[in-house]
C-alpha atoms as a PDB file:
ATOM      1  CA  UNK A   1     -17.671-106.920  28.927  1.00  0.00           C
ATOM      2  CA  UNK A   2     -15.634-104.469  30.251  1.00  0.00           C
ATOM      3  CA  UNK A   3     -16.922-100.916  28.625  1.00  0.00           C
ATOM      4  CA  UNK A   4     -14.293 -98.770  29.884  1.00  0.00           C
ATOM      5  CA  UNK A   5     -10.782 -98.881  30.478  1.00  0.00           C
ATOM      6  CA  UNK A   6     -10.411 -96.459  33.813  1.00  0.00           C
ATOM      7  CA  UNK A   7     -13.515 -97.310  35.708  1.00  0.00           C
ATOM      8  CA  UNK A   8     -15.888 -99.744  37.093  1.00  0.00           C
ATOM      9  CA  UNK A   9     -19.663 -99.960  37.337  1.00  0.00           C
ATOM     10  CA  UNK A  10     -22.642 -97.862  34.903  1.00  0.00           C
ATOM     11  CA  UNK A  11     -21.387 -94.774  35.444  1.00  0.00           C
ATOM     12  CA  UNK A  12     -18.189 -95.522  34.433  1.00  0.00           C
ATOM     13  CA  UNK A  13     -19.046 -96.888  31.568  1.00  0.00           C
ATOM     14  CA  UNK A  14     -21.731 -94.211  30.573  1.00  0.00           C
ATOM     15  CA  UNK A  15     -18.592 -91.325  31.499  1.00  0.00           C
ATOM     16  CA  UNK A  16     -16.448 -93.308  28.894  1.00  0.00           C
ATOM     17  CA  UNK A  17     -19.136 -93.512  26.295  1.00  0.00           C
ATOM     18  CA  UNK A  18     -19.852 -90.182  26.735  1.00  0.00           C
ATOM     19  CA  UNK A  19     -16.521 -89.197  25.955  1.00  0.00           C
ATOM     20  CA  UNK A  20     -16.799 -89.780  22.541  1.00  0.00           C
ATOM     21  CA  UNK A  21     -19.195 -86.859  22.423  1.00  0.00           C
ATOM     22  CA  UNK A  22     -16.853 -84.510  20.588  1.00  0.00           C
ATOM     23  CA  UNK A  23     -18.817 -81.338  20.605  1.00  0.00           C
ATOM     24  CA  UNK A  24     -16.223 -78.929  18.541  1.00  0.00           C
ATOM     25  CA  UNK A  25     -16.865 -81.465  15.687  1.00  0.00           C
ATOM     26  CA  UNK A  26     -19.969 -82.522  16.170  1.00  0.00           C
ATOM     27  CA  UNK A  27     -21.501 -79.169  15.950  1.00  0.00           C
ATOM     28  CA  UNK A  28     -20.949 -78.445  12.419  1.00  0.00           C
ATOM     29  CA  UNK A  29     -23.139 -81.155  10.991  1.00  0.00           C
ATOM     30  CA  UNK A  30     -25.591 -80.977  13.799  1.00  0.00           C
ATOM     31  CA  UNK A  31     -26.097 -77.727  12.731  1.00  0.00           C
ATOM     32  CA  UNK A  32     -25.929 -77.925   9.263  1.00  0.00           C
ATOM     33  CA  UNK A  33     -28.513 -80.623   9.327  1.00  0.00           C
ATOM     34  CA  UNK A  34     -30.845 -77.684  11.592  1.00  0.00           C
ATOM     35  CA  UNK A  35     -29.800 -75.163   8.639  1.00  0.00           C
ATOM     36  CA  UNK A  36     -31.232 -77.238   6.052  1.00  0.00           C
ATOM     37  CA  UNK A  37     -34.225 -77.689   7.404  1.00  0.00           C
ATOM     38  CA  UNK A  38     -33.965 -73.700   7.985  1.00  0.00           C
ATOM     39  CA  UNK A  39     -33.723 -72.746   4.818  1.00  0.00           C
ATOM     40  CA  UNK A  40     -36.879 -75.173   3.512  1.00  0.00           C
ATOM     41  CA  UNK A  41     -39.254 -73.365   6.286  1.00  0.00           C
ATOM     42  CA  UNK A  42     -38.999 -75.781   8.713  1.00  0.00           C
ATOM     43  CA  UNK A  43     -42.427 -77.149   8.408  1.00  0.00           C
ATOM     44  CA  UNK A  44     -42.166 -80.296   9.927  1.00  0.00           C
ATOM     45  CA  UNK A  45     -40.041 -80.143  13.129  1.00  0.00           C
ATOM     46  CA  UNK A  46     -40.434 -83.367  13.939  1.00  0.00           C
ATOM     47  CA  UNK A  47     -38.725 -84.206  11.010  1.00  0.00           C
ATOM     48  CA  UNK A  48     -35.898 -81.665  11.319  1.00  0.00           C
ATOM     49  CA  UNK A  49     -35.185 -83.376  14.971  1.00  0.00           C
ATOM     50  CA  UNK A  50     -35.133 -86.736  13.654  1.00  0.00           C
ATOM     51  CA  UNK A  51     -32.191 -85.491  10.613  1.00  0.00           C
ATOM     52  CA  UNK A  52     -30.563 -83.147  14.036  1.00  0.00           C
ATOM     53  CA  UNK A  53     -30.435 -86.891  15.693  1.00  0.00           C
ATOM     54  CA  UNK A  54     -28.727 -89.447  12.513  1.00  0.00           C
ATOM     55  CA  UNK A  55     -26.343 -86.663  11.609  1.00  0.00           C
ATOM     56  CA  UNK A  56     -25.376 -86.556  15.393  1.00  0.00           C
ATOM     57  CA  UNK A  57     -24.881 -90.544  15.764  1.00  0.00           C
ATOM     58  CA  UNK A  58     -22.732 -90.623  12.266  1.00  0.00           C
ATOM     59  CA  UNK A  59     -20.814 -87.935  13.948  1.00  0.00           C
ATOM     60  CA  UNK A  60     -20.480 -90.504  17.246  1.00  0.00           C
ATOM     61  CA  UNK A  61     -20.045 -93.420  15.108  1.00  0.00           C
ATOM     62  CA  UNK A  62     -17.320 -91.274  13.361  1.00  0.00           C
ATOM     63  CA  UNK A  63     -15.467 -90.571  17.238  1.00  0.00           C
ATOM     64  CA  UNK A  64     -15.469 -94.239  17.989  1.00  0.00           C
ATOM     65  CA  UNK A  65     -14.004 -95.657  15.037  1.00  0.00           C
ATOM     66  CA  UNK A  66     -11.480 -92.987  14.582  1.00  0.00           C
ATOM     67  CA  UNK A  67     -10.231 -93.314  18.628  1.00  0.00           C
ATOM     68  CA  UNK A  68     -10.414 -97.823  18.148  1.00  0.00           C
ATOM     69  CA  UNK A  69      -8.105 -97.110  15.130  1.00  0.00           C
ATOM     70  CA  UNK A  70      -5.786 -94.902  16.386  1.00  0.00           C
ATOM     71  CA  UNK A  71      -5.247 -96.287  19.834  1.00  0.00           C
ATOM     72  CA  UNK A  72      -5.905-100.167  19.199  1.00  0.00           C
ATOM     73  CA  UNK A  73      -4.477-100.412  15.507  1.00  0.00           C
ATOM     74  CA  UNK A  74      -2.029 -97.590  14.825  1.00  0.00           C
ATOM     75  CA  UNK A  75      -0.605 -96.543  18.521  1.00  0.00           C
ATOM     76  CA  UNK A  76      -1.611 -93.376  17.666  1.00  0.00           C
ATOM     77  CA  UNK A  77      -3.083 -91.988  21.248  1.00  0.00           C
ATOM     78  CA  UNK A  78      -1.557 -91.938  24.275  1.00  0.00           C
ATOM     79  CA  UNK A  79      -4.739 -93.061  25.809  1.00  0.00           C
ATOM     80  CA  UNK A  80      -8.935 -94.747  25.603  1.00  0.00           C
ATOM     81  CA  UNK A  81     -11.279 -94.559  28.000  1.00  0.00           C
ATOM     82  CA  UNK A  82     -12.567 -97.494  25.796  1.00  0.00           C
ATOM     83  CA  UNK A  83     -11.895-100.925  26.224  1.00  0.00           C
ATOM     84  CA  UNK A  84     -11.073-102.762  22.723  1.00  0.00           C
ATOM     85  CA  UNK A  85     -14.500-104.638  23.304  1.00  0.00           C
ATOM     86  CA  UNK A  86     -16.507-101.364  24.414  1.00  0.00           C
ATOM     87  CA  UNK A  87     -15.103 -99.358  21.438  1.00  0.00           C
ATOM     88  CA  UNK A  88     -17.131-102.071  19.283  1.00  0.00           C
ATOM     89  CA  UNK A  89     -20.147-102.310  21.722  1.00  0.00           C
ATOM     90  CA  UNK A  90     -20.479 -98.500  20.942  1.00  0.00           C
ATOM     91  CA  UNK A  91     -20.168 -98.998  17.569  1.00  0.00           C
ATOM     92  CA  UNK A  92     -22.562-101.658  16.893  1.00  0.00           C
ATOM     93  CA  UNK A  93     -24.796 -99.142  19.469  1.00  0.00           C
ATOM     94  CA  UNK A  94     -24.979 -95.911  17.479  1.00  0.00           C
ATOM     95  CA  UNK A  95     -24.799 -98.409  13.767  1.00  0.00           C
ATOM     96  CA  UNK A  96     -28.097-100.035  14.994  1.00  0.00           C
ATOM     97  CA  UNK A  97     -29.765 -96.232  16.378  1.00  0.00           C
ATOM     98  CA  UNK A  98     -28.750 -94.557  12.781  1.00  0.00           C
ATOM     99  CA  UNK A  99     -29.883 -97.215  10.691  1.00  0.00           C
ATOM    100  CA  UNK A 100     -33.518 -96.823  13.062  1.00  0.00           C
ATOM    101  CA  UNK A 101     -33.168 -93.385  12.119  1.00  0.00           C
ATOM    102  CA  UNK A 102     -32.393 -94.073   8.314  1.00  0.00           C
ATOM    103  CA  UNK A 103     -35.138 -96.753   8.317  1.00  0.00           C
ATOM    104  CA  UNK A 104     -37.578 -93.630   9.959  1.00  0.00           C
ATOM    105  CA  UNK A 105     -36.421 -90.695   7.732  1.00  0.00           C
ATOM    106  CA  UNK A 106     -37.297 -93.470   4.225  1.00  0.00           C
ATOM    107  CA  UNK A 107     -40.634 -94.349   5.644  1.00  0.00           C
ATOM    108  CA  UNK A 108     -41.463 -90.988   6.414  1.00  0.00           C
ATOM    109  CA  UNK A 109     -40.439 -88.898   3.522  1.00  0.00           C
ATOM    110  CA  UNK A 110     -39.095 -91.033   0.883  1.00  0.00           C
ATOM    111  CA  UNK A 111     -36.186 -93.227   0.010  1.00  0.00           C
ATOM    112  CA  UNK A 112     -34.553 -90.149  -1.699  1.00  0.00           C
ATOM    113  CA  UNK A 113     -34.451 -88.299   1.717  1.00  0.00           C
ATOM    114  CA  UNK A 114     -32.774 -91.971   2.913  1.00  0.00           C
ATOM    115  CA  UNK A 115     -30.170 -91.295   0.260  1.00  0.00           C
ATOM    116  CA  UNK A 116     -29.501 -87.874   1.164  1.00  0.00           C
ATOM    117  CA  UNK A 117     -28.503 -88.928   5.184  1.00  0.00           C
ATOM    118  CA  UNK A 118     -26.392 -92.430   4.739  1.00  0.00           C
ATOM    119  CA  UNK A 119     -23.176 -90.500   3.260  1.00  0.00           C
ATOM    120  CA  UNK A 120     -23.293 -89.211   7.041  1.00  0.00           C
ATOM    121  CA  UNK A 121     -22.688 -92.386   8.532  1.00  0.00           C
ATOM    122  CA  UNK A 122     -20.321 -93.910   5.502  1.00  0.00           C
ATOM    123  CA  UNK A 123     -18.093 -91.097   5.687  1.00  0.00           C
ATOM    124  CA  UNK A 124     -18.171 -91.255   9.620  1.00  0.00           C
ATOM    125  CA  UNK A 125     -17.434 -95.451   9.541  1.00  0.00           C
ATOM    126  CA  UNK A 126     -14.953 -95.181   6.558  1.00  0.00           C
ATOM    127  CA  UNK A 127     -12.836 -92.369   7.468  1.00  0.00           C
ATOM    128  CA  UNK A 128      -9.998 -94.763   9.767  1.00  0.00           C
ATOM    129  CA  UNK A 129      -8.430 -96.072   8.533  1.00  0.00           C
ATOM    130  CA  UNK A 130      -9.647 -96.013   4.753  1.00  0.00           C
ATOM    131  CA  UNK A 131     -10.550 -92.691   3.776  1.00  0.00           C
ATOM    132  CA  UNK A 132      -7.913 -91.076   5.715  1.00  0.00           C
ATOM    133  CA  UNK A 133      -5.208 -92.089   4.466  1.00  0.00           C
ATOM    134  CA  UNK A 134      -5.709 -90.462   0.998  1.00  0.00           C
ATOM    135  CA  UNK A 135      -4.954 -86.506   0.614  1.00  0.00           C
ATOM    136  CA  UNK A 136      -8.397 -86.106  -1.234  1.00  0.00           C
ATOM    137  CA  UNK A 137     -10.678 -87.477   1.237  1.00  0.00           C
ATOM    138  CA  UNK A 138      -8.904 -86.815   4.305  1.00  0.00           C
ATOM    139  CA  UNK A 139      -9.205 -83.876   3.471  1.00  0.00           C
ATOM    140  CA  UNK A 140     -13.103 -83.196   1.906  1.00  0.00           C
ATOM    141  CA  UNK A 141     -14.449 -86.521   4.313  1.00  0.00           C
ATOM    142  CA  UNK A 142     -15.672 -84.424   5.990  1.00  0.00           C
ATOM    143  CA  UNK A 143     -16.683 -81.537   5.126  1.00  0.00           C
ATOM    144  CA  UNK A 144     -18.859 -83.407   2.106  1.00  0.00           C
ATOM    145  CA  UNK A 145     -20.913 -85.297   5.200  1.00  0.00           C
ATOM    146  CA  UNK A 146     -21.827 -81.658   6.429  1.00  0.00           C
ATOM    147  CA  UNK A 147     -22.957 -80.835   2.659  1.00  0.00           C
ATOM    148  CA  UNK A 148     -24.908 -83.993   2.781  1.00  0.00           C
ATOM    149  CA  UNK A 149     -26.056 -83.043   6.598  1.00  0.00           C
ATOM    150  CA  UNK A 150     -27.168 -80.033   5.037  1.00  0.00           C
ATOM    151  CA  UNK A 151     -29.508 -80.728   2.127  1.00  0.00           C
ATOM    152  CA  UNK A 152     -30.391 -83.942   3.637  1.00  0.00           C
ATOM    153  CA  UNK A 153     -32.160 -81.410   6.259  1.00  0.00           C
ATOM    154  CA  UNK A 154     -33.195 -79.507   3.821  1.00  0.00           C
ATOM    155  CA  UNK A 155     -34.818 -82.261   1.878  1.00  0.00           C
ATOM    156  CA  UNK A 156     -37.072 -83.912   4.768  1.00  0.00           C
ATOM    157  CA  UNK A 157     -38.454 -81.073   5.078  1.00  0.00           C
ATOM    158  CA  UNK A 158     -39.249 -79.866   1.472  1.00  0.00           C
ATOM    159  CA  UNK A 159     -38.809 -83.553  -0.502  1.00  0.00           C
ATOM    160  CA  UNK A 160     -37.256 -81.598  -3.227  1.00  0.00           C
ATOM    161  CA  UNK A 161     -33.530 -79.645  -3.449  1.00  0.00           C
ATOM    162  CA  UNK A 162     -33.229 -75.854  -5.020  1.00  0.00           C
ATOM    163  CA  UNK A 163     -30.354 -74.493  -6.073  1.00  0.00           C
ATOM    164  CA  UNK A 164     -30.271 -72.298  -3.177  1.00  0.00           C
ATOM    165  CA  UNK A 165     -29.064 -75.172  -0.922  1.00  0.00           C
ATOM    166  CA  UNK A 166     -26.723 -76.941  -3.408  1.00  0.00           C
ATOM    167  CA  UNK A 167     -25.187 -73.119  -3.616  1.00  0.00           C
ATOM    168  CA  UNK A 168     -25.044 -72.711   0.635  1.00  0.00           C
ATOM    169  CA  UNK A 169     -23.076 -76.888   0.505  1.00  0.00           C
ATOM    170  CA  UNK A 170     -21.094 -75.868  -1.926  1.00  0.00           C
ATOM    171  CA  UNK A 171     -19.451 -72.956   0.234  1.00  0.00           C
ATOM    172  CA  UNK A 172     -19.448 -74.985   3.279  1.00  0.00           C
ATOM    173  CA  UNK A 173     -17.673 -77.840   1.833  1.00  0.00           C
ATOM    174  CA  UNK A 174     -15.120 -75.663   0.570  1.00  0.00           C
ATOM    175  CA  UNK A 175     -14.315 -73.449   3.491  1.00  0.00           C
ATOM    176  CA  UNK A 176     -14.462 -76.792   5.349  1.00  0.00           C
ATOM    177  CA  UNK A 177     -11.941 -77.885   3.778  1.00  0.00           C
ATOM    178  CA  UNK A 178      -9.446 -75.657   3.887  1.00  0.00           C
ATOM    179  CA  UNK A 179      -9.503 -75.760   7.442  1.00  0.00           C
ATOM    180  CA  UNK A 180      -9.126 -79.610   7.755  1.00  0.00           C
ATOM    181  CA  UNK A 181      -5.611 -79.176   5.483  1.00  0.00           C
ATOM    182  CA  UNK A 182      -4.816 -76.937   8.738  1.00  0.00           C
ATOM    183  CA  UNK A 183      -6.056 -79.501  11.474  1.00  0.00           C
ATOM    184  CA  UNK A 184      -4.112 -82.500   9.638  1.00  0.00           C
ATOM    185  CA  UNK A 185      -1.303 -80.198   9.600  1.00  0.00           C
ATOM    186  CA  UNK A 186      -1.198 -80.446  13.213  1.00  0.00           C
ATOM    187  CA  UNK A 187      -0.087 -84.276  12.795  1.00  0.00           C
ATOM    188  CA  UNK A 188       1.954 -83.807  10.206  1.00  0.00           C
ATOM    189  CA  UNK A 189       5.412 -86.226  11.579  1.00  0.00           C
ATOM    190  CA  UNK A 190       3.140 -88.795  13.134  1.00  0.00           C
ATOM    191  CA  UNK A 191       0.885 -88.965   9.136  1.00  0.00           C
ATOM    192  CA  UNK A 192       4.070 -88.889   7.977  1.00  0.00           C
ATOM    193  CA  UNK A 193       5.433 -91.598   9.848  1.00  0.00           C
ATOM    194  CA  UNK A 194       3.213 -93.882   9.047  1.00  0.00           C
ATOM    195  CA  UNK A 195       2.586 -92.928   5.158  1.00  0.00           C
ATOM    196  CA  UNK A 196      -0.598 -91.395   5.576  1.00  0.00           C
ATOM    197  CA  UNK A 197      -0.817 -89.154   3.284  1.00  0.00           C
ATOM    198  CA  UNK A 198      -2.769 -85.783   4.296  1.00  0.00           C
ATOM    199  CA  UNK A 199      -2.635 -83.012   1.687  1.00  0.00           C
ATOM    200  CA  UNK A 200       0.711 -81.352   4.461  1.00  0.00           C
ATOM    201  CA  UNK A 201       2.703 -84.752   3.634  1.00  0.00           C
ATOM    202  CA  UNK A 202       2.258 -84.375  -0.307  1.00  0.00           C
ATOM    203  CA  UNK A 203       2.864 -80.745  -0.251  1.00  0.00           C
ATOM    204  CA  UNK A 204       4.602 -79.834   2.904  1.00  0.00           C
ATOM    205  CA  UNK A 205       3.561 -77.621   5.626  1.00  0.00           C
ATOM    206  CA  UNK A 206       3.671 -74.446   4.226  1.00  0.00           C
ATOM    207  CA  UNK A 207       2.307 -75.359   1.017  1.00  0.00           C
ATOM    208  CA  UNK A 208      -0.448 -77.096   2.633  1.00  0.00           C
ATOM    209  CA  UNK A 209      -1.469 -73.429   4.456  1.00  0.00           C
ATOM    210  CA  UNK A 210      -0.845 -71.772   1.448  1.00  0.00           C
ATOM    211  CA  UNK A 211      -3.713 -74.112   0.035  1.00  0.00           C
ATOM    212  CA  UNK A 212      -5.562 -73.936   2.637  1.00  0.00           C
ATOM    213  CA  UNK A 213      -6.234 -70.702   2.763  1.00  0.00           C
ATOM    214  CA  UNK A 214      -6.403 -70.488  -1.397  1.00  0.00           C
ATOM    215  CA  UNK A 215      -9.490 -73.201  -0.746  1.00  0.00           C
ATOM    216  CA  UNK A 216     -11.511 -70.432   1.926  1.00  0.00           C
ATOM    217  CA  UNK A 217     -10.296 -67.872  -0.072  1.00  0.00           C
ATOM    218  CA  UNK A 218     -12.259 -69.420  -2.690  1.00  0.00           C
ATOM    219  CA  UNK A 219     -15.310 -70.242  -0.441  1.00  0.00           C
ATOM    220  CA  UNK A 220     -15.382 -67.174   1.021  1.00  0.00           C
ATOM    221  CA  UNK A 221     -15.641 -65.610  -3.016  1.00  0.00           C
ATOM    222  CA  UNK A 222     -18.279 -68.410  -3.753  1.00  0.00           C
ATOM    223  CA  UNK A 223     -20.812 -66.720  -1.070  1.00  0.00           C
ATOM    224  CA  UNK A 224     -20.300 -63.058  -2.407  1.00  0.00           C
ATOM    225  CA  UNK A 225     -21.106 -64.111  -5.751  1.00  0.00           C
ATOM    226  CA  UNK A 226     -23.973 -66.517  -5.031  1.00  0.00           C
ATOM    227  CA  UNK A 227     -25.370 -62.484  -3.002  1.00  0.00           C
ATOM    228  CA  UNK A 228     -24.760 -60.985  -5.712  1.00  0.00           C
ATOM    229  CA  UNK A 229     -26.962 -63.457  -8.493  1.00  0.00           C
ATOM    230  CA  UNK A 230     -29.477 -63.552  -5.332  1.00  0.00           C
ATOM    231  CA  UNK A 231     -29.131 -67.324  -4.629  1.00  0.00           C
ATOM    232  CA  UNK A 232     -28.313 -65.660  -0.955  1.00  0.00           C
ATOM    233  CA  UNK A 233     -29.998 -63.143   0.513  1.00  0.00           C
ATOM    234  CA  UNK A 234     -28.146 -59.610   0.221  1.00  0.00           C
ATOM    235  CA  UNK A 235     -27.791 -59.912   4.150  1.00  0.00           C
ATOM    236  CA  UNK A 236     -25.557 -63.080   3.827  1.00  0.00           C
ATOM    237  CA  UNK A 237     -22.855 -61.133   2.614  1.00  0.00           C
ATOM    238  CA  UNK A 238     -21.903 -60.703   6.469  1.00  0.00           C
ATOM    239  CA  UNK A 239     -20.719 -63.995   7.231  1.00  0.00           C
ATOM    240  CA  UNK A 240     -17.948 -64.204   4.560  1.00  0.00           C
ATOM    241  CA  UNK A 241     -16.490 -60.802   5.917  1.00  0.00           C
ATOM    242  CA  UNK A 242     -16.872 -61.949   9.381  1.00  0.00           C
ATOM    243  CA  UNK A 243     -15.314 -65.128   8.625  1.00  0.00           C
ATOM    244  CA  UNK A 244     -12.973 -63.311   6.216  1.00  0.00           C
ATOM    245  CA  UNK A 245     -11.631 -61.875   9.327  1.00  0.00           C
ATOM    246  CA  UNK A 246     -10.998 -64.394  11.716  1.00  0.00           C
ATOM    247  CA  UNK A 247      -8.760 -66.253   9.404  1.00  0.00           C
ATOM    248  CA  UNK A 248      -7.037 -62.943   8.387  1.00  0.00           C
ATOM    249  CA  UNK A 249      -6.044 -63.831  12.545  1.00  0.00           C
ATOM    250  CA  UNK A 250      -5.625 -67.572  12.376  1.00  0.00           C
ATOM    251  CA  UNK A 251      -3.714 -66.790   9.568  1.00  0.00           C
ATOM    252  CA  UNK A 252      -1.263 -65.265  11.678  1.00  0.00           C
ATOM    253  CA  UNK A 253      -0.754 -68.232  14.925  1.00  0.00           C
ATOM    254  CA  UNK A 254      -0.033 -71.987  14.436  1.00  0.00           C
ATOM    255  CA  UNK A 255      -1.337 -74.810  13.535  1.00  0.00           C
ATOM    256  CA  UNK A 256      -3.589 -75.513  16.141  1.00  0.00           C
ATOM    257  CA  UNK A 257      -4.449 -72.023  17.276  1.00  0.00           C
ATOM    258  CA  UNK A 258      -5.430 -71.608  13.977  1.00  0.00           C
ATOM    259  CA  UNK A 259      -7.504 -74.485  13.707  1.00  0.00           C
ATOM    260  CA  UNK A 260      -9.238 -73.349  16.801  1.00  0.00           C
ATOM    261  CA  UNK A 261     -10.364 -70.412  15.227  1.00  0.00           C
ATOM    262  CA  UNK A 262     -11.280 -71.447  12.430  1.00  0.00           C
ATOM    263  CA  UNK A 263     -13.149 -74.026  13.581  1.00  0.00           C
ATOM    264  CA  UNK A 264     -15.212 -71.783  15.848  1.00  0.00           C
ATOM    265  CA  UNK A 265     -15.565 -69.297  13.097  1.00  0.00           C
ATOM    266  CA  UNK A 266     -17.150 -71.667  11.282  1.00  0.00           C
ATOM    267  CA  UNK A 267     -19.860 -71.891  13.898  1.00  0.00           C
ATOM    268  CA  UNK A 268     -20.161 -67.802  13.372  1.00  0.00           C
ATOM    269  CA  UNK A 269     -20.270 -67.805   9.544  1.00  0.00           C
ATOM    270  CA  UNK A 270     -22.821 -70.763   9.829  1.00  0.00           C
ATOM    271  CA  UNK A 271     -24.808 -68.578  12.893  1.00  0.00           C
ATOM    272  CA  UNK A 272     -24.941 -64.945  10.511  1.00  0.00           C
ATOM    273  CA  UNK A 273     -26.656 -67.347   7.441  1.00  0.00           C
ATOM    274  CA  UNK A 274     -28.646 -68.674   9.708  1.00  0.00           C
ATOM    275  CA  UNK A 275     -29.952 -64.978  10.758  1.00  0.00           C
ATOM    276  CA  UNK A 276     -30.027 -63.740   7.342  1.00  0.00           C
ATOM    277  CA  UNK A 277     -32.211 -67.120   5.832  1.00  0.00           C
ATOM    278  CA  UNK A 278     -34.235 -67.120   8.741  1.00  0.00           C
ATOM    279  CA  UNK A 279     -34.953 -64.011   9.519  1.00  0.00           C
ATOM    280  CA  UNK A 280     -34.128 -61.786   5.947  1.00  0.00           C
ATOM    281  CA  UNK A 281     -33.232 -58.385   7.501  1.00  0.00           C
ATOM    282  CA  UNK A 282     -32.161 -56.203   4.229  1.00  0.00           C
ATOM    283  CA  UNK A 283     -34.988 -57.839   1.749  1.00  0.00           C
END
């Protein structure tokens, strides 16, 4: 079975498989899982690593499936490093690894932990060509997966949920949904040609951008509100303030530049929240 389209040998196959690791989009779910563990006190580092690994494998599955559908099914991409058989091999392998990790989570922690971990794979595997055809699921699938990574990472440590972790998940899902609307706008012309109903296709690019920044603003206001009601530590207020500055610059750029700035801004947002929760500098 040939795995790589352009290279031969074991090295070529490994490079083709590794090409489906996209750090920019894989970091947020992995970091969210780790952040959930930090919120819970990180009492079991081994279980935290196990949950982080399952989040990583779920995202890898999503990227392989998305590339497979876009290149071999829709003809959207100009090239792909994996053969069709290589894509199926990678999907089978990542799925097996995920469910092995899921079983371990269920055995070591409990069935609720496994149920909170499973949506990460479901959203990833079903995104293309199913969830990405509807404006709601196309926009919220990836952010909701990150929300589950956060609460799952927390539950694996605490074996319970708190109002604080749910509030963090709500803020993340809201802000990332706004970013996803702008990210989808980059493919407006093609998505419209295949009746892929993203928010940009349904509303038009201009109104979609307005909606995206309104959604992100709602998330930032919610974050400040959670600080005021003491669901978040006081120093967490720095996170929405800094992200707001990034968003202001992003609003001046095109969709591609705005997406790049906002995704990286979300990294800073998460990092500031980790500092606020871990060190509690103003407490």
